[in-house]
Amino acid sequence: MPELPEVETIRRQLAPMVEGRTLAELAIADPRWCAPLHPHEIEAAVAGRTIERLSRRGKYLTWELHGEVFLATHLRMTGTLLADPPGARPPHARVTFLLHDTHRIVFCDPRRFGTGELLVGHEARDAFFAARLGVEPLGEAFSTAALRALARGRRAPVKAFLLDQTKLAGVGNIYADEALFRARIHPLRPVGALRPAQLEALRDAVVAALRAGIDAGGATIDDFRHADGVRGSFQDEFLVHRRAGRPCPACGGPVRKLVAAGRGTYVCETCQPRPRLRRRAAPAGARSARPAASR
């Protein structure tokens, strides 16, 4: 799934093309994209409005239109936005944004999981995101103190915590692995048990991993493409993600793959020591569970 760096890459590429221009027509070929609203409802609500800004919140890309009309789009697993693609209809085209100057942006999505949400008014937009997304990791609010407050008392593995969009918006499987390696924290370590120095390292590592991904134009493992169809290159800079069996770039030991938060997870257990299992103390007066000797 495209994560924050991939969505931000698309935003930066499309913003100069669309901001300040009129969205002449929105053509929705796949009703699943906007369900439960009917495509005609969204098409009528946005047609002819000026695109004032193309913004990003977490993994959402939002078309901010004149009159406080917002179209919040999500690429999901296989979606991508292509600017002026060749041919009348590129493969897997689901939605087409037609600008008044004949430019067009086409949303292509082989698995049809991508979505579009119509939000009218600032309050509706803010409530939509507040219910789904936590702190923005590249924003000023993402401090070590904020991370400490979010993690306090939580027993969930730190990998699961990073993937929870209601806590931290925009971080997915790739950047969670890369950040945890940079911070030297095992993905199965309970987030509430992290020491202050580890929380500071994790905060800095999340920011560093996301910025590195943006600088590389995102990562293309399967379907992600830039607006011009070019692949991202961050996959060539992975430190541990998808490097199972290969040497750790820090210590030379093998990177291994395990499952954390239900996701394939990559880790160097030399640089990221596995947390020790705590043994429960036996109740006072409890007898040994050894079997009685046979007579």
Foldseek 3Di string as FASTA:
>chain_A
DFFDLQQVLQQVVCFVVAAQFFQQFKDFQDQLQEPPDGPVVVRVVRHGWGQHGFDDDFQWTWRQTPQQKIKTKHQPDFKEKAKQDPDPDDAQFGMWGATPVRIIITIHGPVSPMHIYIAHHPVRVVVVCLVQAADELQDPVLALVLLLVLQAPFFAFQLLVQCRRNHYGGDDQQLSQQLCLQLLADRRGRSNPDDSSSSRSSSVSSNVSSVLCNVQNHAPDDRRAHNNRHGGDCVVVRQWVPQAQAARPPPGDGWHWDAGPNDTHIDDCVSHPDDDDDDDDDPPPDDDPDDDDDD
